[in-house]
Amino acid sequence: MSEQGKTPRGVARVLRAMDTSDGAGVSLKRSVGSPQLDMLDPFLMLDSISTDNADEYIAGFPEHPHRGFETVTYMVEGAMRHKDNMGNEGVLRSGGVQWMTAGSGILHSESPEQENGLLQGFQLWINLPAKDKMVTPRYQNIEGSDVAEFSPEDGVDLRLVAGEFMGKTGPVNGIATKPVFIDAKLAAGREVTLPVPKGHAAMVYVFIGDAIVADQAVTTHHLAVLEDGDSIMLKGGPEGGRMLLIAARPLHEPVVRYGPFVMSTKQELMQAFDDYQRGRFVRAAAVS
């Protein structure tokens, strides 16, 4: 244990994100939800998009369904328009977050609100507890200006989306898995120790430059899966680095999933497909 009585986390494994595509041919790098790491309870998928080639993102993600889990979209650079069958529509811009609880079912689409330039961001899928899988769908739409930003020292720039640090609380709230979501930008050689609730599944994804996670080097587009503990030391590599620290409480429940549906039993999964095919997913009058 450290002098402060903390139990530092180490790195259990490091894996390289897999090149893939989704939607209408959008190029992605997938680290969770890949053959190397099927899931990290409660995380089902982590995709990263980072390209300035419009051909690799312009077609976006046409309308598709979700049931039984949450999707988190975090925009680093660029703009993405979202629209759903509940009448919601808007544009997620640089620094913004959309935390969508799909619950009982929703149909939505996501399309780039730009025809050129860098599009960089993430989509994270988080499982819902069995008791919450059929809750009414809801959103937390958070503008970039509403995300807590602070620099505890020169060369350490943090954005707190969810969780608590240095007396600040991230804007995302009311999530069953008690998530931590921090975007950390560290200059070369600069370090910070961040709190992570003991028992939470936790990971660090480096998306710019390189970093030292605990005592292990982690390069661009690599994911470090963390061991248990209540803190993690992050340090900028030789060129500096930017990374996401993501953690949440495991559910320890059965997971039966296929495509856009994540349920607890095979029967529930079959019901999800039946409900979707019969048009039973939530619909609402369009908002004018």
Protein backbone atom coordinates (compact mmCIF):
# COMPACT_ATOMS: atom_id res chain seq x y z
CA MET A 1 0.00 0.00 0.00
CA SER A 2 1.10 3.56 -0.61
CA GLU A 3 1.83 6.11 2.07
CA GLN A 4 -1.68 7.52 1.75
CA GLY A 5 -3.20 4.15 2.55
CA LYS A 6 -4.22 3.61 -1.06
CA THR A 7 -3.91 0.32 -2.91
CA PRO A 8 -2.45 1.16 -6.35
CA ARG A 9 -3.78 -0.81 -9.29
CA GLY A 10 -1.42 -2.61 -11.61
CA VAL A 11 -1.94 -3.64 -15.24
CA ALA A 12 -3.39 -7.11 -15.81
CA ARG A 13 -2.92 -7.06 -19.60
CA VAL A 14 -2.44 -4.75 -22.56
CA LEU A 15 -4.07 -5.36 -25.91
CA ARG A 16 -4.09 -3.58 -29.25
CA ALA A 17 -7.43 -2.36 -30.56
CA MET A 18 -8.68 -4.31 -33.58
CA ASP A 19 -9.40 -2.58 -36.88
CA THR A 20 -13.04 -3.07 -37.90
CA SER A 21 -16.03 -1.23 -39.32
CA ASP A 22 -19.65 -0.77 -38.30
CA GLY A 23 -22.73 1.13 -39.36
CA ALA A 24 -22.56 1.96 -43.07
CA GLY A 25 -18.83 1.29 -43.31
CA VAL A 26 -17.44 3.57 -40.60
CA SER A 27 -13.81 2.66 -39.80
CA LEU A 28 -13.26 1.89 -36.12
CA LYS A 29 -10.80 0.42 -33.67
CA ARG A 30 -12.44 -2.00 -31.20
CA SER A 31 -10.80 -2.98 -27.93
CA VAL A 32 -13.67 -4.37 -25.84
CA GLY A 33 -16.07 -6.65 -27.71
CA SER A 34 -13.26 -8.14 -29.79
CA PRO A 35 -11.95 -11.72 -30.01
CA GLN A 36 -9.20 -10.70 -27.57
CA LEU A 37 -11.61 -9.31 -24.97
CA ASP A 38 -15.25 -10.28 -25.41
CA MET A 39 -16.37 -8.16 -22.45
CA LEU A 40 -15.12 -6.69 -19.19
CA ASP A 41 -18.18 -6.82 -16.94
CA PRO A 42 -20.15 -4.54 -17.18
CA PHE A 43 -18.45 -3.21 -20.35
CA LEU A 44 -19.67 -4.85 -23.56
CA MET A 45 -17.86 -2.82 -26.21
CA LEU A 46 -15.43 0.07 -26.63
CA ASP A 47 -14.98 1.54 -30.10
CA SER A 48 -12.67 4.39 -31.08
CA ILE A 49 -12.98 6.44 -34.25
CA SER A 50 -10.15 8.73 -35.31
CA THR A 51 -9.82 9.74 -38.94
CA ASP A 52 -9.69 12.84 -41.11
CA ASN A 53 -10.65 10.82 -44.19
CA ALA A 54 -14.35 11.58 -44.72
CA ASP A 55 -14.78 8.39 -46.77
CA GLU A 56 -14.18 6.45 -43.55
CA TYR A 57 -16.99 8.10 -41.58
CA ILE A 58 -19.37 10.06 -43.81
CA ALA A 59 -22.00 7.28 -44.16
CA GLY A 60 -22.49 7.17 -40.38
CA PHE A 61 -24.79 4.77 -38.56
CA PRO A 62 -28.26 4.50 -40.14
CA GLU A 63 -31.28 3.76 -37.93
CA HIS A 64 -30.77 0.72 -35.73
CA PRO A 65 -32.29 -0.68 -32.51
CA HIS A 66 -30.95 -1.20 -28.98
CA ARG A 67 -32.41 -2.91 -25.92
CA GLY A 68 -31.09 -3.90 -22.50
CA PHE A 69 -27.96 -1.76 -22.11
CA GLU A 70 -26.51 1.76 -22.24
CA THR A 71 -24.52 3.47 -24.98
CA VAL A 72 -22.09 6.28 -24.26
CA THR A 73 -20.92 8.51 -27.10
CA TYR A 74 -17.99 10.82 -26.30
CA MET A 75 -16.89 13.29 -28.96
CA VAL A 76 -13.27 14.45 -28.86
CA GLU A 77 -13.29 16.33 -32.17
CA GLY A 78 -16.04 16.85 -34.71
CA ALA A 79 -19.82 16.74 -34.68
CA MET A 80 -22.37 13.92 -34.85
CA ARG A 81 -26.13 14.32 -35.36
CA HIS A 82 -28.35 11.88 -33.50
CA LYS A 83 -32.05 11.20 -34.07
CA ASP A 84 -34.42 8.64 -32.56
CA ASN A 85 -37.99 7.36 -32.67
CA MET A 86 -38.89 9.14 -29.41
CA GLY A 87 -38.68 12.51 -31.14
CA ASN A 88 -35.20 13.41 -29.89
CA GLU A 89 -32.72 15.04 -32.25
CA GLY A 90 -29.58 17.08 -31.77
CA VAL A 91 -25.89 17.47 -32.52
CA LEU A 92 -23.13 16.16 -30.27
CA ARG A 93 -20.08 18.42 -30.64
CA SER A 94 -16.43 18.39 -29.53
CA GLY A 95 -16.13 17.58 -25.84
CA GLY A 96 -19.78 16.57 -25.48
CA VAL A 97 -21.21 13.33 -24.13
CA GLN A 98 -24.43 11.45 -24.74
CA TRP A 99 -25.25 8.78 -22.16
CA MET A 100 -28.21 6.82 -23.52
CA THR A 101 -30.05 4.22 -21.46
CA ALA A 102 -31.70 2.15 -24.19
CA GLY A 103 -33.73 0.14 -21.67
CA SER A 104 -36.88 -1.40 -23.16
CA GLY A 105 -35.96 -0.39 -26.68
CA ILE A 106 -35.12 2.52 -28.93
CA LEU A 107 -34.40 3.11 -32.60
CA HIS A 108 -31.79 5.72 -33.38
CA SER A 109 -29.35 6.91 -36.01
CA GLU A 110 -26.05 8.79 -35.87
CA SER A 111 -24.61 10.71 -38.80
CA PRO A 112 -21.59 13.02 -39.07
CA GLU A 113 -22.52 16.71 -39.12
CA GLN A 114 -19.45 17.46 -41.25
CA GLU A 115 -18.11 16.55 -44.66
CA ASN A 116 -14.41 16.95 -43.96
CA GLY A 117 -11.92 17.32 -41.13
CA LEU A 118 -11.05 15.17 -38.14
CA LEU A 119 -13.75 13.05 -36.54
CA GLN A 120 -12.52 11.59 -33.26
CA GLY A 121 -14.54 9.99 -30.51
CA PHE A 122 -15.70 6.87 -28.72
CA GLN A 123 -18.70 4.67 -28.22
CA LEU A 124 -18.92 2.56 -25.08
CA TRP A 125 -21.59 -0.06 -24.34
CA ILE A 126 -22.39 -0.79 -20.69
CA ASN A 127 -24.69 -3.58 -19.52
CA LEU A 128 -27.79 -2.82 -17.47
CA PRO A 129 -28.78 -4.87 -14.41
CA ALA A 130 -31.45 -7.49 -15.20
CA LYS A 131 -34.00 -5.53 -13.16
CA ASP A 132 -33.41 -2.40 -15.27
CA LYS A 133 -33.31 -3.86 -18.77
CA MET A 134 -36.88 -2.85 -19.55
CA VAL A 135 -36.86 0.65 -18.06
CA THR A 136 -38.14 3.56 -20.15
CA PRO A 137 -35.37 4.82 -22.45
CA ARG A 138 -33.69 8.07 -21.40
CA TYR A 139 -30.79 10.34 -22.31
CA GLN A 140 -28.25 12.47 -20.55
CA ASN A 141 -27.04 14.94 -23.18
CA ILE A 142 -24.08 16.92 -21.90
CA GLU A 143 -22.45 19.81 -23.74
CA GLY A 144 -18.67 20.04 -23.72
CA SER A 145 -18.88 23.22 -21.61
CA ASP A 146 -20.70 21.28 -18.86
CA VAL A 147 -17.91 18.72 -18.40
CA ALA A 148 -15.69 19.59 -15.42
CA GLU A 149 -12.20 20.55 -16.63
CA PHE A 150 -9.25 21.16 -14.34
CA SER A 151 -5.47 21.05 -14.20
CA PRO A 152 -4.10 19.98 -10.79
CA GLU A 153 -0.62 20.94 -12.08
CA ASP A 154 1.10 22.09 -15.26
CA GLY A 155 0.96 19.47 -17.98
CA VAL A 156 -1.97 17.57 -16.41
CA ASP A 157 -5.34 18.39 -17.99
CA LEU A 158 -8.39 16.41 -16.92
CA ARG A 159 -12.01 16.24 -18.06
CA LEU A 160 -14.37 14.56 -15.59
CA VAL A 161 -17.46 13.08 -17.26
CA ALA A 162 -18.48 10.71 -14.46
CA GLY A 163 -17.18 10.01 -10.97
CA GLU A 164 -15.50 12.21 -8.36
CA PHE A 165 -12.05 13.76 -8.11
CA MET A 166 -10.58 16.65 -6.12
CA GLY A 167 -13.97 17.70 -4.79
CA LYS A 168 -15.55 17.78 -8.25
CA THR A 169 -18.30 15.51 -9.56
CA GLY A 170 -18.87 14.62 -13.20
CA PRO A 171 -22.19 15.66 -14.80
CA VAL A 172 -23.36 12.10 -15.56
CA ASN A 173 -25.44 10.74 -12.68
CA GLY A 174 -28.02 8.13 -11.71
CA ILE A 175 -26.23 5.22 -13.44
CA ALA A 176 -26.60 1.81 -11.77
CA THR A 177 -22.97 0.75 -12.32
CA LYS A 178 -21.54 3.91 -10.63
CA PRO A 179 -19.16 4.71 -13.51
CA VAL A 180 -15.91 6.66 -13.60
CA PHE A 181 -15.07 8.33 -16.92
CA ILE A 182 -12.04 10.65 -17.09
CA ASP A 183 -10.25 12.06 -20.14
CA ALA A 184 -6.61 12.71 -19.14
CA LYS A 185 -4.11 14.66 -21.25
CA LEU A 186 -0.58 14.42 -19.86
CA ALA A 187 2.55 16.18 -21.08
CA ALA A 188 5.75 14.14 -21.39
CA GLY A 189 6.81 12.91 -17.97
CA ARG A 190 3.86 14.44 -16.14
CA GLU A 191 1.89 12.11 -13.91
CA VAL A 192 -1.31 11.97 -11.91
CA THR A 193 -2.83 9.40 -9.56
CA LEU A 194 -6.58 9.05 -10.02
CA PRO A 195 -9.02 7.35 -7.63
CA VAL A 196 -10.88 4.25 -8.82
CA PRO A 197 -13.45 2.60 -6.53
CA LYS A 198 -12.18 -0.73 -5.25
CA GLY A 199 -13.96 -3.64 -6.92
CA HIS A 200 -14.78 -1.70 -10.11
CA ALA A 201 -13.70 -3.15 -13.44
CA ALA A 202 -11.32 -0.57 -14.90
CA MET A 203 -9.37 0.13 -18.08
CA VAL A 204 -7.25 2.83 -19.69
CA TYR A 205 -7.37 3.47 -23.45
CA VAL A 206 -4.56 5.56 -24.95
CA PHE A 207 -5.74 7.36 -28.09
CA ILE A 208 -3.05 9.99 -28.67
CA GLY A 209 0.69 9.58 -28.03
CA ASP A 210 1.81 7.14 -25.38
CA ALA A 211 1.65 6.71 -21.63
CA ILE A 212 2.87 4.83 -18.60
CA VAL A 213 -0.03 3.12 -16.83
CA ALA A 214 1.12 1.96 -13.40
CA ASP A 215 4.61 0.84 -14.46
CA GLN A 216 3.75 -0.36 -17.95
CA ALA A 217 4.20 1.44 -21.28
CA VAL A 218 1.00 1.72 -23.31
CA THR A 219 1.07 3.10 -26.86
CA THR A 220 -1.58 4.65 -29.09
CA HIS A 221 -4.72 2.56 -29.67
CA HIS A 222 -3.86 0.10 -26.92
CA LEU A 223 -6.04 -0.79 -23.96
CA ALA A 224 -4.67 -1.52 -20.48
CA VAL A 225 -6.97 -3.70 -18.36
CA LEU A 226 -6.35 -2.88 -14.72
CA GLU A 227 -6.01 -5.08 -11.66
CA ASP A 228 -8.08 -4.27 -8.57
CA GLY A 229 -7.22 -1.46 -6.17
CA ASP A 230 -8.44 2.03 -5.39
CA SER A 231 -6.12 4.23 -7.50
CA ILE A 232 -4.16 4.26 -10.74
CA MET A 233 -1.01 6.18 -11.65
CA LEU A 234 -0.93 7.64 -15.17
CA LYS A 235 2.10 9.30 -16.74
CA GLY A 236 2.71 10.95 -20.09
CA GLY A 237 5.13 9.04 -22.31
CA PRO A 238 8.13 10.55 -24.13
CA GLU A 239 5.86 12.55 -26.47
CA GLY A 240 3.03 12.99 -23.98
CA GLY A 241 -0.28 11.19 -24.23
CA ARG A 242 -4.06 11.42 -23.98
CA MET A 243 -6.15 8.62 -22.58
CA LEU A 244 -9.50 7.61 -21.12
CA LEU A 245 -9.83 6.06 -17.67
CA ILE A 246 -13.10 4.15 -17.55
CA ALA A 247 -14.37 2.09 -14.63
CA ALA A 248 -17.71 0.71 -13.40
CA ARG A 249 -19.18 -1.74 -10.92
CA PRO A 250 -19.42 -5.31 -12.30
CA LEU A 251 -22.93 -6.82 -12.36
CA HIS A 252 -21.98 -10.52 -12.10
CA GLU A 253 -25.14 -11.48 -14.00
CA PRO A 254 -25.80 -13.72 -17.01
CA VAL A 255 -25.34 -12.00 -20.38
CA VAL A 256 -27.17 -13.25 -23.46
CA ARG A 257 -26.62 -10.97 -26.42
CA TYR A 258 -26.79 -10.80 -30.15
CA GLY A 259 -26.14 -7.70 -32.19
CA PRO A 260 -27.99 -4.71 -30.72
CA PHE A 261 -29.79 -6.60 -27.94
CA VAL A 262 -28.28 -7.54 -24.57
CA MET A 263 -30.54 -9.53 -22.25
CA SER A 264 -30.26 -11.99 -19.35
CA THR A 265 -31.88 -15.09 -20.88
CA LYS A 266 -32.31 -16.63 -24.33
CA GLN A 267 -36.08 -16.18 -23.99
CA GLU A 268 -35.67 -12.44 -23.36
CA LEU A 269 -33.36 -12.17 -26.37
CA MET A 270 -35.88 -13.90 -28.63
CA GLN A 271 -38.59 -11.59 -27.27
CA ALA A 272 -36.46 -8.56 -28.11
CA PHE A 273 -36.19 -9.64 -31.75
CA ASP A 274 -39.92 -10.40 -31.89
CA ASP A 275 -40.84 -7.02 -30.38
CA TYR A 276 -38.56 -5.22 -32.81
CA GLN A 277 -39.88 -7.06 -35.86
CA ARG A 278 -43.47 -6.34 -34.78
CA GLY A 279 -42.77 -2.64 -34.31
CA ARG A 280 -43.29 -2.67 -30.55
CA PHE A 281 -40.31 -0.48 -29.69
CA VAL A 282 -41.19 2.89 -28.16
CA ARG A 283 -42.49 5.42 -30.65
CA ALA A 284 -43.51 9.01 -30.02
CA ALA A 285 -44.83 11.87 -32.09
CA ALA A 286 -42.04 13.80 -33.76
CA VAL A 287 -40.98 16.94 -31.97
CA SER A 288 -41.58 20.01 -34.15
